C-alpha atoms as a PDB file:
ATOM      1  CA  MET A   1      43.871 -98.374  50.338  1.00  0.00           C
ATOM      2  CA  THR A   2      42.749 -97.632  53.856  1.00  0.00           C
ATOM      3  CA  PRO A   3      44.600 -98.344  57.076  1.00  0.00           C
ATOM      4  CA  ASP A   4      43.882-101.601  58.847  1.00  0.00           C
ATOM      5  CA  ALA A   5      40.541-101.238  60.638  1.00  0.00           C
ATOM      6  CA  ALA A   6      42.256-102.217  63.901  1.00  0.00           C
ATOM      7  CA  GLU A   7      44.518 -99.174  63.604  1.00  0.00           C
ATOM      8  CA  ILE A   8      41.772 -96.580  63.177  1.00  0.00           C
ATOM      9  CA  GLY A   9      40.498 -95.592  66.591  1.00  0.00           C
ATOM     10  CA  SER A  10      43.597 -96.856  68.429  1.00  0.00           C
ATOM     11  CA  LEU A  11      45.055 -94.646  71.152  1.00  0.00           C
ATOM     12  CA  ALA A  12      48.290 -92.816  70.388  1.00  0.00           C
ATOM     13  CA  PRO A  13      51.105 -94.550  72.252  1.00  0.00           C
ATOM     14  CA  ASP A  14      52.535 -92.434  75.049  1.00  0.00           C
ATOM     15  CA  PHE A  15      56.092 -91.119  74.766  1.00  0.00           C
ATOM     16  CA  SER A  16      58.651 -88.961  76.483  1.00  0.00           C
ATOM     17  CA  LEU A  17      61.413 -87.975  74.051  1.00  0.00           C
ATOM     18  CA  PRO A  18      64.114 -85.305  73.881  1.00  0.00           C
ATOM     19  CA  ASP A  19      64.724 -82.829  71.119  1.00  0.00           C
ATOM     20  CA  PRO A  20      68.345 -82.444  69.919  1.00  0.00           C
ATOM     21  CA  SER A  21      69.077 -79.959  72.728  1.00  0.00           C
ATOM     22  CA  GLY A  22      67.888 -82.423  75.392  1.00  0.00           C
ATOM     23  CA  ARG A  23      64.546 -80.767  76.199  1.00  0.00           C
ATOM     24  CA  VAL A  24      62.024 -83.562  76.844  1.00  0.00           C
ATOM     25  CA  PHE A  25      58.493 -83.558  75.413  1.00  0.00           C
ATOM     26  CA  THR A  26      55.600 -85.921  76.106  1.00  0.00           C
ATOM     27  CA  ARG A  27      52.646 -86.987  74.008  1.00  0.00           C
ATOM     28  CA  ASP A  28      50.249 -85.179  76.331  1.00  0.00           C
ATOM     29  CA  GLN A  29      52.267 -81.938  76.304  1.00  0.00           C
ATOM     30  CA  LEU A  30      52.188 -81.901  72.522  1.00  0.00           C
ATOM     31  CA  ALA A  31      48.545 -82.865  72.010  1.00  0.00           C
ATOM     32  CA  GLY A  32      46.573 -80.206  70.160  1.00  0.00           C
ATOM     33  CA  ALA A  33      43.127 -79.014  71.197  1.00  0.00           C
ATOM     34  CA  ASN A  34      41.659 -80.397  67.941  1.00  0.00           C
ATOM     35  CA  GLY A  35      44.160 -83.106  67.055  1.00  0.00           C
ATOM     36  CA  THR A  36      47.777 -84.107  66.749  1.00  0.00           C
ATOM     37  CA  LEU A  37      49.928 -85.040  63.781  1.00  0.00           C
ATOM     38  CA  VAL A  38      52.832 -87.395  64.529  1.00  0.00           C
ATOM     39  CA  ALA A  39      55.343 -87.597  61.664  1.00  0.00           C
ATOM     40  CA  PHE A  40      58.181 -90.109  61.591  1.00  0.00           C
ATOM     41  CA  ILE A  41      60.898 -88.542  59.450  1.00  0.00           C
ATOM     42  CA  CYS A  42      64.673 -88.381  59.138  1.00  0.00           C
ATOM     43  CA  ASN A  43      67.217 -86.068  57.552  1.00  0.00           C
ATOM     44  CA  HIS A  44      68.766 -88.163  54.796  1.00  0.00           C
ATOM     45  CA  CYS A  45      65.730 -89.778  53.130  1.00  0.00           C
ATOM     46  CA  PRO A  46      65.125 -88.205  49.695  1.00  0.00           C
ATOM     47  CA  TYR A  47      61.359 -88.537  50.217  1.00  0.00           C
ATOM     48  CA  VAL A  48      61.565 -86.500  53.437  1.00  0.00           C
ATOM     49  CA  VAL A  49      63.925 -83.935  51.895  1.00  0.00           C
ATOM     50  CA  ALA A  50      61.420 -83.510  49.051  1.00  0.00           C
ATOM     51  CA  ILE A  51      58.491 -82.785  51.383  1.00  0.00           C
ATOM     52  CA  ALA A  52      60.189 -80.996  54.315  1.00  0.00           C
ATOM     53  CA  GLU A  53      59.043 -77.472  53.399  1.00  0.00           C
ATOM     54  CA  ARG A  54      55.534 -78.725  52.538  1.00  0.00           C
ATOM     55  CA  LEU A  55      55.398 -80.462  55.924  1.00  0.00           C
ATOM     56  CA  ALA A  56      56.429 -77.236  57.684  1.00  0.00           C
ATOM     57  CA  ASP A  57      53.781 -75.310  55.736  1.00  0.00           C
ATOM     58  CA  THR A  58      51.121 -77.956  56.458  1.00  0.00           C
ATOM     59  CA  ALA A  59      51.948 -77.866  60.173  1.00  0.00           C
ATOM     60  CA  ALA A  60      51.663 -74.064  60.224  1.00  0.00           C
ATOM     61  CA  HIS A  61      48.205 -74.223  58.613  1.00  0.00           C
ATOM     62  CA  LEU A  62      47.094 -76.965  60.987  1.00  0.00           C
ATOM     63  CA  SER A  63      48.304 -75.013  64.021  1.00  0.00           C
ATOM     64  CA  GLU A  64      45.773 -72.318  63.119  1.00  0.00           C
ATOM     65  CA  GLN A  65      43.051 -74.969  63.551  1.00  0.00           C
ATOM     66  CA  GLY A  66      44.254 -76.270  66.907  1.00  0.00           C
ATOM     67  CA  VAL A  67      46.143 -79.257  65.488  1.00  0.00           C
ATOM     68  CA  SER A  68      49.684 -79.688  66.773  1.00  0.00           C
ATOM     69  CA  THR A  69      52.541 -81.396  64.957  1.00  0.00           C
ATOM     70  CA  VAL A  70      55.517 -83.343  66.231  1.00  0.00           C
ATOM     71  CA  ALA A  71      58.216 -85.043  64.149  1.00  0.00           C
ATOM     72  CA  ILE A  72      60.241 -87.991  65.416  1.00  0.00           C
ATOM     73  CA  CYS A  73      63.471 -89.451  64.063  1.00  0.00           C
ATOM     74  CA  ALA A  74      63.994 -93.093  64.993  1.00  0.00           C
ATOM     75  CA  ASN A  75      66.801 -93.978  62.590  1.00  0.00           C
ATOM     76  CA  ASP A  76      69.985 -95.562  63.894  1.00  0.00           C
ATOM     77  CA  ALA A  77      72.214 -92.470  64.037  1.00  0.00           C
ATOM     78  CA  ARG A  78      75.376 -94.545  64.511  1.00  0.00           C
ATOM     79  CA  ALA A  79      74.842 -96.275  61.188  1.00  0.00           C
ATOM     80  CA  TYR A  80      73.354 -93.146  59.559  1.00  0.00           C
ATOM     81  CA  PRO A  81      75.233 -90.128  61.000  1.00  0.00           C
ATOM     82  CA  ASP A  82      73.219 -87.696  58.850  1.00  0.00           C
ATOM     83  CA  ASP A  83      70.329 -88.489  61.218  1.00  0.00           C
ATOM     84  CA  ALA A  84      72.254 -87.627  64.405  1.00  0.00           C
ATOM     85  CA  PRO A  85      70.652 -85.092  66.777  1.00  0.00           C
ATOM     86  CA  ASP A  86      72.963 -82.209  65.824  1.00  0.00           C
ATOM     87  CA  ARG A  87      72.029 -82.753  62.174  1.00  0.00           C
ATOM     88  CA  MET A  88      68.343 -82.924  63.154  1.00  0.00           C
ATOM     89  CA  ALA A  89      68.539 -79.428  64.644  1.00  0.00           C
ATOM     90  CA  GLU A  90      70.169 -78.117  61.447  1.00  0.00           C
ATOM     91  CA  PHE A  91      67.550 -79.862  59.287  1.00  0.00           C
ATOM     92  CA  ALA A  92      64.657 -78.432  61.323  1.00  0.00           C
ATOM     93  CA  ALA A  93      66.090 -74.899  61.134  1.00  0.00           C
ATOM     94  CA  ARG A  94      66.862 -75.158  57.414  1.00  0.00           C
ATOM     95  CA  HIS A  95      63.325 -76.280  56.584  1.00  0.00           C
ATOM     96  CA  GLY A  96      61.504 -73.925  58.936  1.00  0.00           C
ATOM     97  CA  PHE A  97      60.004 -76.437  61.337  1.00  0.00           C
ATOM     98  CA  GLY A  98      57.766 -74.657  63.814  1.00  0.00           C
ATOM     99  CA  PHE A  99      57.215 -77.865  65.764  1.00  0.00           C
ATOM    100  CA  PRO A 100      59.381 -80.173  67.892  1.00  0.00           C
ATOM    101  CA  TYR A 101      61.640 -82.672  66.112  1.00  0.00           C
ATOM    102  CA  LEU A 102      62.380 -85.416  68.623  1.00  0.00           C
ATOM    103  CA  VAL A 103      64.996 -88.159  68.981  1.00  0.00           C
ATOM    104  CA  ASP A 104      63.782 -91.757  69.434  1.00  0.00           C
ATOM    105  CA  GLU A 105      67.199 -93.261  70.135  1.00  0.00           C
ATOM    106  CA  SER A 106      65.823 -96.552  71.497  1.00  0.00           C
ATOM    107  CA  GLN A 107      63.374 -96.817  68.580  1.00  0.00           C
ATOM    108  CA  ALA A 108      60.718 -97.943  71.088  1.00  0.00           C
ATOM    109  CA  VAL A 109      58.325 -95.152  70.138  1.00  0.00           C
ATOM    110  CA  ALA A 110      58.536 -95.909  66.412  1.00  0.00           C
ATOM    111  CA  ARG A 111      57.853 -99.571  67.176  1.00  0.00           C
ATOM    112  CA  ALA A 112      54.906 -98.678  69.443  1.00  0.00           C
ATOM    113  CA  TYR A 113      53.363 -96.570  66.674  1.00  0.00           C
ATOM    114  CA  GLY A 114      54.065 -99.176  64.011  1.00  0.00           C
ATOM    115  CA  ALA A 115      56.052 -96.714  61.898  1.00  0.00           C
ATOM    116  CA  VAL A 116      57.701 -98.372  58.923  1.00  0.00           C
ATOM    117  CA  CYS A 117      59.076 -95.631  56.683  1.00  0.00           C
ATOM    118  CA  THR A 118      60.127 -92.024  56.471  1.00  0.00           C
ATOM    119  CA  PRO A 119      57.944 -90.129  56.120  1.00  0.00           C
ATOM    120  CA  ASP A 120      55.139 -91.949  57.960  1.00  0.00           C
ATOM    121  CA  PHE A 121      52.189 -89.853  59.178  1.00  0.00           C
ATOM    122  CA  PHE A 122      49.745 -90.586  62.002  1.00  0.00           C
ATOM    123  CA  GLY A 123      46.794 -88.215  62.485  1.00  0.00           C
ATOM    124  CA  TYR A 124      44.970 -88.237  65.814  1.00  0.00           C
ATOM    125  CA  ASP A 125      41.752 -86.589  66.933  1.00  0.00           C
ATOM    126  CA  LYS A 126      41.479 -84.483  70.095  1.00  0.00           C
ATOM    127  CA  GLY A 127      40.967 -87.681  72.127  1.00  0.00           C
ATOM    128  CA  LYS A 128      44.309 -89.026  70.803  1.00  0.00           C
ATOM    129  CA  LEU A 129      42.583 -91.690  68.697  1.00  0.00           C
ATOM    130  CA  LEU A 130      44.041 -92.516  65.275  1.00  0.00           C
ATOM    131  CA  GLN A 131      41.957 -91.185  62.394  1.00  0.00           C
ATOM    132  CA  TYR A 132      44.535 -90.926  59.583  1.00  0.00           C
ATOM    133  CA  ARG A 133      47.501 -93.014  58.496  1.00  0.00           C
ATOM    134  CA  GLY A 134      48.680 -91.891  55.111  1.00  0.00           C
ATOM    135  CA  ARG A 135      50.846 -89.718  52.947  1.00  0.00           C
ATOM    136  CA  LEU A 136      51.385 -85.959  52.817  1.00  0.00           C
ATOM    137  CA  ASP A 137      50.111 -85.642  49.276  1.00  0.00           C
ATOM    138  CA  ASP A 138      50.079 -87.427  45.937  1.00  0.00           C
ATOM    139  CA  SER A 139      53.269 -85.878  44.526  1.00  0.00           C
ATOM    140  CA  GLY A 140      55.818 -88.372  45.883  1.00  0.00           C
ATOM    141  CA  ARG A 141      59.334 -86.980  45.582  1.00  0.00           C
ATOM    142  CA  SER A 142      58.299 -84.244  43.172  1.00  0.00           C
ATOM    143  CA  SER A 143      56.910 -80.893  44.221  1.00  0.00           C
ATOM    144  CA  SER A 144      53.882 -80.584  42.009  1.00  0.00           C
ATOM    145  CA  PRO A 145      51.689 -77.509  42.486  1.00  0.00           C
ATOM    146  CA  GLU A 146      48.751 -79.701  41.425  1.00  0.00           C
ATOM    147  CA  ALA A 147      49.347 -82.163  44.278  1.00  0.00           C
ATOM    148  CA  THR A 148      46.306 -82.956  46.395  1.00  0.00           C
ATOM    149  CA  PRO A 149      47.098 -81.963  50.010  1.00  0.00           C
ATOM    150  CA  GLU A 150      45.746 -85.203  51.467  1.00  0.00           C
ATOM    151  CA  LEU A 151      47.282 -84.848  54.936  1.00  0.00           C
ATOM    152  CA  LEU A 152      46.199 -81.226  55.315  1.00  0.00           C
ATOM    153  CA  ASN A 153      42.667 -82.043  54.180  1.00  0.00           C
ATOM    154  CA  ALA A 154      42.473 -85.114  56.432  1.00  0.00           C
ATOM    155  CA  MET A 155      43.677 -83.267  59.529  1.00  0.00           C
ATOM    156  CA  ARG A 156      41.301 -80.366  58.855  1.00  0.00           C
ATOM    157  CA  GLN A 157      38.457 -82.874  58.610  1.00  0.00           C
ATOM    158  CA  ILE A 158      39.579 -84.520  61.862  1.00  0.00           C
ATOM    159  CA  ALA A 159      39.758 -81.122  63.608  1.00  0.00           C
ATOM    160  CA  GLU A 160      36.245 -80.262  62.441  1.00  0.00           C
ATOM    161  CA  THR A 161      34.436 -83.616  62.711  1.00  0.00           C
ATOM    162  CA  GLY A 162      36.611 -85.916  64.819  1.00  0.00           C
ATOM    163  CA  THR A 163      36.883 -88.488  62.027  1.00  0.00           C
ATOM    164  CA  GLY A 164      39.311 -88.975  59.177  1.00  0.00           C
ATOM    165  CA  PRO A 165      38.595 -89.673  55.522  1.00  0.00           C
ATOM    166  CA  THR A 166      37.496 -93.143  54.504  1.00  0.00           C
ATOM    167  CA  GLN A 167      39.964 -93.235  51.592  1.00  0.00           C
ATOM    168  CA  GLN A 168      43.612 -93.073  52.687  1.00  0.00           C
ATOM    169  CA  TRP A 169      46.814 -93.902  50.804  1.00  0.00           C
ATOM    170  CA  PRO A 170      49.937 -95.169  52.581  1.00  0.00           C
ATOM    171  CA  SER A 171      53.027 -93.050  52.720  1.00  0.00           C
ATOM    172  CA  VAL A 172      55.933 -93.986  50.480  1.00  0.00           C
ATOM    173  CA  GLY A 173      59.515 -93.481  51.531  1.00  0.00           C
ATOM    174  CA  CYS A 174      62.663 -95.049  52.870  1.00  0.00           C
ATOM    175  CA  SER A 175      62.479 -97.768  55.494  1.00  0.00           C
ATOM    176  CA  ILE A 176      63.244 -96.821  59.068  1.00  0.00           C
ATOM    177  CA  LYS A 177      66.863 -97.705  59.739  1.00  0.00           C
ATOM    178  CA  TRP A 178      66.485-100.133  62.624  1.00  0.00           C
ATOM    179  CA  LYS A 179      69.402-100.939  64.904  1.00  0.00           C
ATOM    180  CA  ALA A 180      70.946-104.368  64.531  1.00  0.00           C
ATOM    181  CA  ASP A 181      69.865-106.652  67.362  1.00  0.00           C
END
């Protein structure tokens, strides 16, 4: 499966979000010289817990190629207290995140990106145009050493050529926990 053709090439929505300590980051501040990975994650989802260290490792490798990473939690922290900002800071430290993990309390950023699950990955080129919308790898909730590092390979390709792979598989995970209207 590939992302909807309308998605590929779309501009990354702008944002200004705080990390758990209150420091505010913007899309443009976080953009990498060769691309940007935006990951919608949370703390309690078993799919995210299963890939957290692999995500940290992937981000470290991508940083070496001028690709920055930012993670965003948009879950309703009142209904899911494990996803509260103080828990986000603990989660990031425990899993060795070397990138900002931001709070989308209003959920407006997740909606603007069209995020639907955790984890949900959006890979942008250096012009902030979407080139990848897919999963981290093909291992799901397991940690298989034989897993194909799809996200890493896609973002490397984007950094080198400006375009993502033609074959992309959607991420699988828990739904974003939207606030009741």
